[in-house]
Amino acid sequence: MGAVLIVIPAAGASSRMGGRDKLLEEIDGTPILARQTARALATGAPVFVALSHDRPDRADALTRLASPALTLTAIDGREGMAAALRAGARQAETQGPAG
C-alpha cells in the first residue's frame, strides 16, 4: 500500500462569507484551518496545505503547528481548487512510495 498524504486546499477566497475568512473563523478559540490541520497531523500522515499567497493570515494561523510532517505551499488561489490538488499531487510524487 502506498503512503498517505493529506492535502488541505486552503487557498479559496471565502467569497460566500460576506467579507469574512471562513478558515480563520474560530471554534473554541482556534481558527478552523489550524484546528483541522492539527487533526490531520494527529493521524501521523504527512500533511500538505495549499495556501494562497495573498492571504498571509492563514499561514500565520498555522505557525504554532510547526512539524516536520507539515508542508505549506503558496499557490495562486484564483486558479481554483484544481491548483491545490495539482500541488498536492506534485508533493506526493516527491515523497515517493512508502517503504
PDB file of N, CA and C in Angstrom:
ATOM      1  N   MET A   1       0.842  -1.177   0.000  1.00  0.00           N
ATOM      2  CA  MET A   1       0.000   0.000   0.000  1.00  0.00           C
ATOM      3  C   MET A   1       0.888   1.240   0.000  1.00  0.00           C
ATOM      4  N   GLY A   2       0.491   2.253  -0.768  1.00  0.00           N
ATOM      5  CA  GLY A   2       1.267   3.477  -0.880  1.00  0.00           C
ATOM      6  C   GLY A   2       1.103   4.362   0.344  1.00  0.00           C
ATOM      7  N   ALA A   3       1.952   5.371   0.418  1.00  0.00           N
ATOM      8  CA  ALA A   3       1.891   6.330   1.514  1.00  0.00           C
ATOM      9  C   ALA A   3       0.648   7.204   1.374  1.00  0.00           C
ATOM     10  N   VAL A   4       0.199   7.710   2.484  1.00  0.00           N
ATOM     11  CA  VAL A   4      -0.943   8.613   2.505  1.00  0.00           C
ATOM     12  C   VAL A   4      -0.422  10.031   2.689  1.00  0.00           C
ATOM     13  N   LEU A   5      -0.911  10.941   1.896  1.00  0.00           N
ATOM     14  CA  LEU A   5      -0.622  12.365   2.040  1.00  0.00           C
ATOM     15  C   LEU A   5      -1.963  13.066   2.188  1.00  0.00           C
ATOM     16  N   ILE A   6      -2.120  13.802   3.266  1.00  0.00           N
ATOM     17  CA  ILE A   6      -3.348  14.575   3.461  1.00  0.00           C
ATOM     18  C   ILE A   6      -3.144  15.942   2.827  1.00  0.00           C
ATOM     19  N   VAL A   7      -4.007  16.286   1.882  1.00  0.00           N
ATOM     20  CA  VAL A   7      -3.941  17.576   1.196  1.00  0.00           C
ATOM     21  C   VAL A   7      -5.095  18.437   1.693  1.00  0.00           C
ATOM     22  N   ILE A   8      -4.758  19.625   2.191  1.00  0.00           N
ATOM     23  CA  ILE A   8      -5.776  20.572   2.650  1.00  0.00           C
ATOM     24  C   ILE A   8      -5.754  21.767   1.706  1.00  0.00           C
ATOM     25  N   PRO A   9      -6.779  21.880   0.854  1.00  0.00           N
ATOM     26  CA  PRO A   9      -6.853  23.038  -0.038  1.00  0.00           C
ATOM     27  C   PRO A   9      -7.362  24.247   0.756  1.00  0.00           C
ATOM     28  N   ALA A  10      -6.508  25.241   0.950  1.00  0.00           N
ATOM     29  CA  ALA A  10      -6.862  26.393   1.782  1.00  0.00           C
ATOM     30  C   ALA A  10      -6.524  27.708   1.081  1.00  0.00           C
ATOM     31  N   ALA A  11      -6.744  27.750  -0.219  1.00  0.00           N
ATOM     32  CA  ALA A  11      -6.395  28.946  -0.983  1.00  0.00           C
ATOM     33  C   ALA A  11      -7.612  29.682  -1.511  1.00  0.00           C
ATOM     34  N   GLY A  12      -8.791  29.223  -1.183  1.00  0.00           N
ATOM     35  CA  GLY A  12     -10.011  29.836  -1.696  1.00  0.00           C
ATOM     36  C   GLY A  12     -10.249  31.237  -1.160  1.00  0.00           C
ATOM     37  N   ALA A  13     -11.144  31.942  -1.809  1.00  0.00           N
ATOM     38  CA  ALA A  13     -11.408  33.341  -1.476  1.00  0.00           C
ATOM     39  C   ALA A  13     -12.455  33.524  -0.390  1.00  0.00           C
ATOM     40  N   SER A  14     -13.120  32.477   0.050  1.00  0.00           N
ATOM     41  CA  SER A  14     -14.216  32.597   1.022  1.00  0.00           C
ATOM     42  C   SER A  14     -15.246  33.607   0.535  1.00  0.00           C
ATOM     43  N   SER A  15     -15.522  33.587  -0.743  1.00  0.00           N
ATOM     44  CA  SER A  15     -16.365  34.614  -1.364  1.00  0.00           C
ATOM     45  C   SER A  15     -17.807  34.608  -0.866  1.00  0.00           C
ATOM     46  N   ARG A  16     -18.288  33.504  -0.373  1.00  0.00           N
ATOM     47  CA  ARG A  16     -19.673  33.449   0.106  1.00  0.00           C
ATOM     48  C   ARG A  16     -19.802  33.840   1.573  1.00  0.00           C
ATOM     49  N   MET A  17     -18.711  34.296   2.189  1.00  0.00           N
ATOM     50  CA  MET A  17     -18.730  34.607   3.620  1.00  0.00           C
ATOM     51  C   MET A  17     -18.942  36.091   3.926  1.00  0.00           C
ATOM     52  N   GLY A  18     -19.291  36.871   2.943  1.00  0.00           N
ATOM     53  CA  GLY A  18     -19.583  38.278   3.191  1.00  0.00           C
ATOM     54  C   GLY A  18     -18.398  39.067   3.723  1.00  0.00           C
ATOM     55  N   GLY A  19     -17.197  38.776   3.227  1.00  0.00           N
ATOM     56  CA  GLY A  19     -16.019  39.517   3.642  1.00  0.00           C
ATOM     57  C   GLY A  19     -15.210  38.860   4.754  1.00  0.00           C
ATOM     58  N   ARG A  20     -15.787  37.880   5.440  1.00  0.00           N
ATOM     59  CA  ARG A  20     -15.049  37.164   6.493  1.00  0.00           C
ATOM     60  C   ARG A  20     -14.290  36.001   5.868  1.00  0.00           C
ATOM     61  N   ASP A  21     -13.222  35.583   6.513  1.00  0.00           N
ATOM     62  CA  ASP A  21     -12.437  34.442   6.044  1.00  0.00           C
ATOM     63  C   ASP A  21     -12.869  33.213   6.837  1.00  0.00           C
ATOM     64  N   LYS A  22     -13.570  32.300   6.191  1.00  0.00           N
ATOM     65  CA  LYS A  22     -14.115  31.146   6.914  1.00  0.00           C
ATOM     66  C   LYS A  22     -13.035  30.290   7.554  1.00  0.00           C
ATOM     67  N   LEU A  23     -11.852  30.238   6.962  1.00  0.00           N
ATOM     68  CA  LEU A  23     -10.792  29.410   7.529  1.00  0.00           C
ATOM     69  C   LEU A  23     -10.185  30.022   8.782  1.00  0.00           C
ATOM     70  N   LEU A  24     -10.433  31.296   9.015  1.00  0.00           N
ATOM     71  CA  LEU A  24      -9.939  31.953  10.222  1.00  0.00           C
ATOM     72  C   LEU A  24     -11.029  32.125  11.279  1.00  0.00           C
ATOM     73  N   GLU A  25     -12.251  31.738  10.952  1.00  0.00           N
ATOM     74  CA  GLU A  25     -13.305  31.719  11.961  1.00  0.00           C
ATOM     75  C   GLU A  25     -12.871  30.748  13.059  1.00  0.00           C
ATOM     76  N   GLU A  26     -13.226  31.039  14.294  1.00  0.00           N
ATOM     77  CA  GLU A  26     -12.734  30.235  15.405  1.00  0.00           C
ATOM     78  C   GLU A  26     -13.773  29.283  15.973  1.00  0.00           C
ATOM     79  N   ILE A  27     -13.283  28.137  16.395  1.00  0.00           N
ATOM     80  CA  ILE A  27     -14.050  27.160  17.162  1.00  0.00           C
ATOM     81  C   ILE A  27     -13.253  26.944  18.442  1.00  0.00           C
ATOM     82  N   ASP A  28     -13.861  27.209  19.577  1.00  0.00           N
ATOM     83  CA  ASP A  28     -13.180  27.087  20.870  1.00  0.00           C
ATOM     84  C   ASP A  28     -11.858  27.843  20.882  1.00  0.00           C
ATOM     85  N   GLY A  29     -11.831  29.027  20.263  1.00  0.00           N
ATOM     86  CA  GLY A  29     -10.658  29.884  20.285  1.00  0.00           C
ATOM     87  C   GLY A  29      -9.558  29.537  19.300  1.00  0.00           C
ATOM     88  N   THR A  30      -9.802  28.570  18.415  1.00  0.00           N
ATOM     89  CA  THR A  30      -8.790  28.147  17.440  1.00  0.00           C
ATOM     90  C   THR A  30      -9.330  28.339  16.031  1.00  0.00           C
ATOM     91  N   PRO A  31      -8.556  28.974  15.141  1.00  0.00           N
ATOM     92  CA  PRO A  31      -9.018  29.116  13.757  1.00  0.00           C
ATOM     93  C   PRO A  31      -9.303  27.735  13.138  1.00  0.00           C
ATOM     94  N   ILE A  32     -10.369  27.658  12.355  1.00  0.00           N
ATOM     95  CA  ILE A  32     -10.761  26.390  11.734  1.00  0.00           C
ATOM     96  C   ILE A  32      -9.606  25.756  10.979  1.00  0.00           C
ATOM     97  N   LEU A  33      -8.830  26.540  10.240  1.00  0.00           N
ATOM     98  CA  LEU A  33      -7.712  25.979   9.480  1.00  0.00           C
ATOM     99  C   LEU A  33      -6.698  25.312  10.402  1.00  0.00           C
ATOM    100  N   ALA A  34      -6.355  25.963  11.507  1.00  0.00           N
ATOM    101  CA  ALA A  34      -5.395  25.379  12.454  1.00  0.00           C
ATOM    102  C   ALA A  34      -5.982  24.132  13.118  1.00  0.00           C
ATOM    103  N   ARG A  35      -7.248  24.187  13.441  1.00  0.00           N
ATOM    104  CA  ARG A  35      -7.914  23.045  14.086  1.00  0.00           C
ATOM    105  C   ARG A  35      -7.900  21.813  13.184  1.00  0.00           C
ATOM    106  N   GLN A  36      -8.281  22.003  11.936  1.00  0.00           N
ATOM    107  CA  GLN A  36      -8.350  20.867  11.017  1.00  0.00           C
ATOM    108  C   GLN A  36      -6.953  20.365  10.638  1.00  0.00           C
ATOM    109  N   THR A  37      -5.999  21.270  10.523  1.00  0.00           N
ATOM    110  CA  THR A  37      -4.633  20.863  10.219  1.00  0.00           C
ATOM    111  C   THR A  37      -4.052  20.070  11.385  1.00  0.00           C
ATOM    112  N   ALA A  38      -4.309  20.498  12.617  1.00  0.00           N
ATOM    113  CA  ALA A  38      -3.841  19.750  13.794  1.00  0.00           C
ATOM    114  C   ALA A  38      -4.453  18.351  13.824  1.00  0.00           C
ATOM    115  N   ARG A  39      -5.721  18.254  13.482  1.00  0.00           N
ATOM    116  CA  ARG A  39      -6.370  16.927  13.429  1.00  0.00           C
ATOM    117  C   ARG A  39      -5.732  16.055  12.357  1.00  0.00           C
ATOM    118  N   ALA A  40      -5.405  16.647  11.230  1.00  0.00           N
ATOM    119  CA  ALA A  40      -4.756  15.877  10.167  1.00  0.00           C
ATOM    120  C   ALA A  40      -3.374  15.404  10.624  1.00  0.00           C
ATOM    121  N   LEU A  41      -2.610  16.279  11.278  1.00  0.00           N
ATOM    122  CA  LEU A  41      -1.284  15.903  11.772  1.00  0.00           C
ATOM    123  C   LEU A  41      -1.369  14.786  12.812  1.00  0.00           C
ATOM    124  N   ALA A  42      -2.443  14.773  13.587  1.00  0.00           N
ATOM    125  CA  ALA A  42      -2.610  13.749  14.622  1.00  0.00           C
ATOM    126  C   ALA A  42      -2.732  12.340  14.044  1.00  0.00           C
ATOM    127  N   THR A  43      -3.004  12.233  12.752  1.00  0.00           N
ATOM    128  CA  THR A  43      -3.091  10.903  12.124  1.00  0.00           C
ATOM    129  C   THR A  43      -1.713  10.283  11.934  1.00  0.00           C
ATOM    130  N   GLY A  44      -0.672  11.107  11.966  1.00  0.00           N
ATOM    131  CA  GLY A  44       0.670  10.623  11.718  1.00  0.00           C
ATOM    132  C   GLY A  44       1.075  10.687  10.253  1.00  0.00           C
ATOM    133  N   ALA A  45       0.136  10.993   9.387  1.00  0.00           N
ATOM    134  CA  ALA A  45       0.426  11.116   7.953  1.00  0.00           C
ATOM    135  C   ALA A  45       1.008  12.496   7.674  1.00  0.00           C
ATOM    136  N   PRO A  46       1.805  12.624   6.608  1.00  0.00           N
ATOM    137  CA  PRO A  46       2.264  13.957   6.217  1.00  0.00           C
ATOM    138  C   PRO A  46       1.070  14.797   5.747  1.00  0.00           C
ATOM    139  N   VAL A  47       1.143  16.081   6.046  1.00  0.00           N
ATOM    140  CA  VAL A  47       0.044  16.999   5.726  1.00  0.00           C
ATOM    141  C   VAL A  47       0.587  18.119   4.842  1.00  0.00           C
ATOM    142  N   PHE A  48      -0.113  18.382   3.759  1.00  0.00           N
ATOM    143  CA  PHE A  48       0.254  19.391   2.773  1.00  0.00           C
ATOM    144  C   PHE A  48      -0.877  20.408   2.713  1.00  0.00           C
ATOM    145  N   VAL A  49      -0.575  21.668   3.009  1.00  0.00           N
ATOM    146  CA  VAL A  49      -1.593  22.719   2.989  1.00  0.00           C
ATOM    147  C   VAL A  49      -1.259  23.687   1.858  1.00  0.00           C
ATOM    148  N   ALA A  50      -2.188  23.836   0.922  1.00  0.00           N
ATOM    149  CA  ALA A  50      -2.030  24.763  -0.196  1.00  0.00           C
ATOM    150  C   ALA A  50      -2.713  26.079   0.173  1.00  0.00           C
ATOM    151  N   LEU A  51      -1.912  27.113   0.322  1.00  0.00           N
ATOM    152  CA  LEU A  51      -2.392  28.433   0.731  1.00  0.00           C
ATOM    153  C   LEU A  51      -2.253  29.421  -0.417  1.00  0.00           C
ATOM    154  N   SER A  52      -3.102  30.425  -0.432  1.00  0.00           N
ATOM    155  CA  SER A  52      -2.985  31.492  -1.425  1.00  0.00           C
ATOM    156  C   SER A  52      -1.952  32.501  -0.942  1.00  0.00           C
ATOM    157  N   HIS A  53      -1.082  32.923  -1.836  1.00  0.00           N
ATOM    158  CA  HIS A  53      -0.017  33.866  -1.474  1.00  0.00           C
ATOM    159  C   HIS A  53      -0.554  35.198  -0.990  1.00  0.00           C
ATOM    160  N   ASP A  54      -1.815  35.520  -1.313  1.00  0.00           N
ATOM    161  CA  ASP A  54      -2.372  36.810  -0.917  1.00  0.00           C
ATOM    162  C   ASP A  54      -3.167  36.752   0.386  1.00  0.00           C
ATOM    163  N   ARG A  55      -3.036  35.656   1.137  1.00  0.00           N
ATOM    164  CA  ARG A  55      -3.731  35.517   2.422  1.00  0.00           C
ATOM    165  C   ARG A  55      -2.744  35.072   3.504  1.00  0.00           C
ATOM    166  N   PRO A  56      -1.809  35.962   3.882  1.00  0.00           N
ATOM    167  CA  PRO A  56      -0.780  35.582   4.858  1.00  0.00           C
ATOM    168  C   PRO A  56      -1.325  35.229   6.236  1.00  0.00           C
ATOM    169  N   ASP A  57      -2.513  35.722   6.585  1.00  0.00           N
ATOM    170  CA  ASP A  57      -3.093  35.399   7.893  1.00  0.00           C
ATOM    171  C   ASP A  57      -3.341  33.902   8.046  1.00  0.00           C
ATOM    172  N   ARG A  58      -3.594  33.224   6.942  1.00  0.00           N
ATOM    173  CA  ARG A  58      -3.808  31.778   7.023  1.00  0.00           C
ATOM    174  C   ARG A  58      -2.521  31.056   7.396  1.00  0.00           C
ATOM    175  N   ALA A  59      -1.414  31.448   6.794  1.00  0.00           N
ATOM    176  CA  ALA A  59      -0.122  30.849   7.156  1.00  0.00           C
ATOM    177  C   ALA A  59       0.209  31.179   8.608  1.00  0.00           C
ATOM    178  N   ASP A  60      -0.071  32.408   9.017  1.00  0.00           N
ATOM    179  CA  ASP A  60       0.176  32.808  10.404  1.00  0.00           C
ATOM    180  C   ASP A  60      -0.612  31.938  11.383  1.00  0.00           C
ATOM    181  N   ALA A  61      -1.814  31.545  11.004  1.00  0.00           N
ATOM    182  CA  ALA A  61      -2.649  30.710  11.883  1.00  0.00           C
ATOM    183  C   ALA A  61      -2.051  29.329  12.097  1.00  0.00           C
ATOM    184  N   LEU A  62      -1.135  28.923  11.228  1.00  0.00           N
ATOM    185  CA  LEU A  62      -0.541  27.591  11.324  1.00  0.00           C
ATOM    186  C   LEU A  62       0.835  27.593  11.982  1.00  0.00           C
ATOM    187  N   THR A  63       1.349  28.746  12.374  1.00  0.00           N
ATOM    188  CA  THR A  63       2.716  28.814  12.893  1.00  0.00           C
ATOM    189  C   THR A  63       2.928  27.967  14.142  1.00  0.00           C
ATOM    190  N   ARG A  64       1.953  27.855  15.003  1.00  0.00           N
ATOM    191  CA  ARG A  64       2.149  27.069  16.231  1.00  0.00           C
ATOM    192  C   ARG A  64       2.144  25.569  15.959  1.00  0.00           C
ATOM    193  N   LEU A  65       1.798  25.166  14.752  1.00  0.00           N
ATOM    194  CA  LEU A  65       1.749  23.747  14.411  1.00  0.00           C
ATOM    195  C   LEU A  65       3.041  23.254  13.767  1.00  0.00           C
ATOM    196  N   ALA A  66       4.127  23.964  13.940  1.00  0.00           N
ATOM    197  CA  ALA A  66       5.393  23.579  13.312  1.00  0.00           C
ATOM    198  C   ALA A  66       5.650  22.086  13.520  1.00  0.00           C
ATOM    199  N   SER A  67       5.819  21.386  12.419  1.00  0.00           N
ATOM    200  CA  SER A  67       6.013  19.938  12.462  1.00  0.00           C
ATOM    201  C   SER A  67       6.763  19.522  11.208  1.00  0.00           C
ATOM    202  N   PRO A  68       7.673  18.543  11.322  1.00  0.00           N
ATOM    203  CA  PRO A  68       8.338  18.060  10.107  1.00  0.00           C
ATOM    204  C   PRO A  68       7.360  17.388   9.143  1.00  0.00           C
ATOM    205  N   ALA A  69       6.191  17.007   9.626  1.00  0.00           N
ATOM    206  CA  ALA A  69       5.194  16.364   8.769  1.00  0.00           C
ATOM    207  C   ALA A  69       4.319  17.375   8.031  1.00  0.00           C
ATOM    208  N   LEU A  70       4.501  18.671   8.328  1.00  0.00           N
ATOM    209  CA  LEU A  70       3.650  19.710   7.738  1.00  0.00           C
ATOM    210  C   LEU A  70       4.406  20.472   6.661  1.00  0.00           C
ATOM    211  N   THR A  71       3.811  20.529   5.472  1.00  0.00           N
ATOM    212  CA  THR A  71       4.366  21.299   4.368  1.00  0.00           C
ATOM    213  C   THR A  71       3.338  22.340   3.944  1.00  0.00           C
ATOM    214  N   LEU A  72       3.771  23.583   3.861  1.00  0.00           N
ATOM    215  CA  LEU A  72       2.915  24.664   3.377  1.00  0.00           C
ATOM    216  C   LEU A  72       3.451  25.115   2.033  1.00  0.00           C
ATOM    217  N   THR A  73       2.555  25.422   1.121  1.00  0.00           N
ATOM    218  CA  THR A  73       2.980  25.977  -0.157  1.00  0.00           C
ATOM    219  C   THR A  73       2.005  27.063  -0.572  1.00  0.00           C
ATOM    220  N   ALA A  74       2.514  28.055  -1.268  1.00  0.00           N
ATOM    221  CA  ALA A  74       1.671  29.139  -1.761  1.00  0.00           C
ATOM    222  C   ALA A  74       1.339  28.881  -3.228  1.00  0.00           C
ATOM    223  N   ILE A  75       0.069  29.008  -3.544  1.00  0.00           N
ATOM    224  CA  ILE A  75      -0.395  28.852  -4.920  1.00  0.00           C
ATOM    225  C   ILE A  75      -1.229  30.072  -5.290  1.00  0.00           C
ATOM    226  N   ASP A  76      -1.594  30.165  -6.542  1.00  0.00           N
ATOM    227  CA  ASP A  76      -2.490  31.224  -6.991  1.00  0.00           C
ATOM    228  C   ASP A  76      -3.915  30.742  -6.765  1.00  0.00           C
ATOM    229  N   GLY A  77      -4.543  31.233  -5.720  1.00  0.00           N
ATOM    230  CA  GLY A  77      -5.887  30.805  -5.359  1.00  0.00           C
ATOM    231  C   GLY A  77      -6.926  31.082  -6.427  1.00  0.00           C
ATOM    232  N   ARG A  78      -6.627  32.003  -7.335  1.00  0.00           N
ATOM    233  CA  ARG A  78      -7.588  32.317  -8.405  1.00  0.00           C
ATOM    234  C   ARG A  78      -7.733  31.158  -9.385  1.00  0.00           C
ATOM    235  N   GLU A  79      -6.788  30.207  -9.343  1.00  0.00           N
ATOM    236  CA  GLU A  79      -6.851  29.052 -10.238  1.00  0.00           C
ATOM    237  C   GLU A  79      -7.844  27.993  -9.748  1.00  0.00           C
ATOM    238  N   GLY A  80      -8.373  28.172  -8.563  1.00  0.00           N
ATOM    239  CA  GLY A  80      -9.362  27.242  -8.047  1.00  0.00           C
ATOM    240  C   GLY A  80      -8.751  26.040  -7.342  1.00  0.00           C
ATOM    241  N   MET A  81      -9.634  25.157  -6.887  1.00  0.00           N
ATOM    242  CA  MET A  81      -9.205  24.002  -6.121  1.00  0.00           C
ATOM    243  C   MET A  81      -8.286  23.083  -6.917  1.00  0.00           C
ATOM    244  N   ALA A  82      -8.438  23.073  -8.223  1.00  0.00           N
ATOM    245  CA  ALA A  82      -7.581  22.219  -9.053  1.00  0.00           C
ATOM    246  C   ALA A  82      -6.108  22.558  -8.857  1.00  0.00           C
ATOM    247  N   ALA A  83      -5.791  23.828  -8.634  1.00  0.00           N
ATOM    248  CA  ALA A  83      -4.396  24.223  -8.407  1.00  0.00           C
ATOM    249  C   ALA A  83      -3.872  23.594  -7.122  1.00  0.00           C
ATOM    250  N   ALA A  84      -4.693  23.556  -6.084  1.00  0.00           N
ATOM    251  CA  ALA A  84      -4.285  22.933  -4.819  1.00  0.00           C
ATOM    252  C   ALA A  84      -4.092  21.435  -4.997  1.00  0.00           C
ATOM    253  N   LEU A  85      -4.972  20.814  -5.747  1.00  0.00           N
ATOM    254  CA  LEU A  85      -4.859  19.371  -5.975  1.00  0.00           C
ATOM    255  C   LEU A  85      -3.636  19.034  -6.820  1.00  0.00           C
ATOM    256  N   ARG A  86      -3.341  19.862  -7.820  1.00  0.00           N
ATOM    257  CA  ARG A  86      -2.123  19.651  -8.624  1.00  0.00           C
ATOM    258  C   ARG A  86      -0.879  19.782  -7.751  1.00  0.00           C
ATOM    259  N   ALA A  87      -0.854  20.791  -6.884  1.00  0.00           N
ATOM    260  CA  ALA A  87       0.294  20.991  -5.995  1.00  0.00           C
ATOM    261  C   ALA A  87       0.426  19.806  -5.042  1.00  0.00           C
ATOM    262  N   GLY A  88      -0.693  19.296  -4.543  1.00  0.00           N
ATOM    263  CA  GLY A  88      -0.665  18.123  -3.674  1.00  0.00           C
ATOM    264  C   GLY A  88      -0.154  16.887  -4.396  1.00  0.00           C
ATOM    265  N   ALA A  89      -0.550  16.725  -5.642  1.00  0.00           N
ATOM    266  CA  ALA A  89      -0.083  15.583  -6.427  1.00  0.00           C
ATOM    267  C   ALA A  89       1.426  15.675  -6.655  1.00  0.00           C
ATOM    268  N   ARG A  90       1.924  16.879  -6.924  1.00  0.00           N
ATOM    269  CA  ARG A  90       3.376  17.055  -7.083  1.00  0.00           C
ATOM    270  C   ARG A  90       4.105  16.713  -5.786  1.00  0.00           C
ATOM    271  N   GLN A  91       3.532  17.115  -4.650  1.00  0.00           N
ATOM    272  CA  GLN A  91       4.137  16.807  -3.372  1.00  0.00           C
ATOM    273  C   GLN A  91       4.164  15.302  -3.131  1.00  0.00           C
ATOM    274  N   ALA A  92       3.090  14.625  -3.470  1.00  0.00           N
ATOM    275  CA  ALA A  92       3.027  13.164  -3.310  1.00  0.00           C
ATOM    276  C   ALA A  92       4.083  12.484  -4.161  1.00  0.00           C
ATOM    277  N   GLU A  93       4.308  12.976  -5.363  1.00  0.00           N
ATOM    278  CA  GLU A  93       5.326  12.402  -6.231  1.00  0.00           C
ATOM    279  C   GLU A  93       6.723  12.553  -5.639  1.00  0.00           C
ATOM    280  N   THR A  94       6.995  13.689  -5.004  1.00  0.00           N
ATOM    281  CA  THR A  94       8.320  13.898  -4.432  1.00  0.00           C
ATOM    282  C   THR A  94       8.558  13.034  -3.205  1.00  0.00           C
ATOM    283  N   GLN A  95       7.490  12.665  -2.512  1.00  0.00           N
ATOM    284  CA  GLN A  95       7.619  11.827  -1.328  1.00  0.00           C
ATOM    285  C   GLN A  95       7.928  10.383  -1.691  1.00  0.00           C
ATOM    286  N   GLY A  96       7.452   9.954  -2.834  1.00  0.00           N
ATOM    287  CA  GLY A  96       7.681   8.574  -3.250  1.00  0.00           C
ATOM    288  C   GLY A  96       6.826   7.605  -2.457  1.00  0.00           C
ATOM    289  N   PRO A  97       6.890   6.309  -2.799  1.00  0.00           N
ATOM    290  CA  PRO A  97       6.072   5.318  -2.116  1.00  0.00           C
ATOM    291  C   PRO A  97       6.578   5.043  -0.705  1.00  0.00           C
ATOM    292  N   ALA A  98       5.665   4.547   0.112  1.00  0.00           N
ATOM    293  CA  ALA A  98       6.030   4.172   1.482  1.00  0.00           C
ATOM    294  C   ALA A  98       7.007   3.022   1.428  1.00  0.00           C
ATOM    295  N   GLY A  99       7.950   3.045   2.294  1.00  0.00           N
ATOM    296  CA  GLY A  99       8.937   1.997   2.253  1.00  0.00           C
ATOM    297  C   GLY A  99       9.088   1.370   3.510  1.00  0.00           C
TER     298      GLY A  99
END
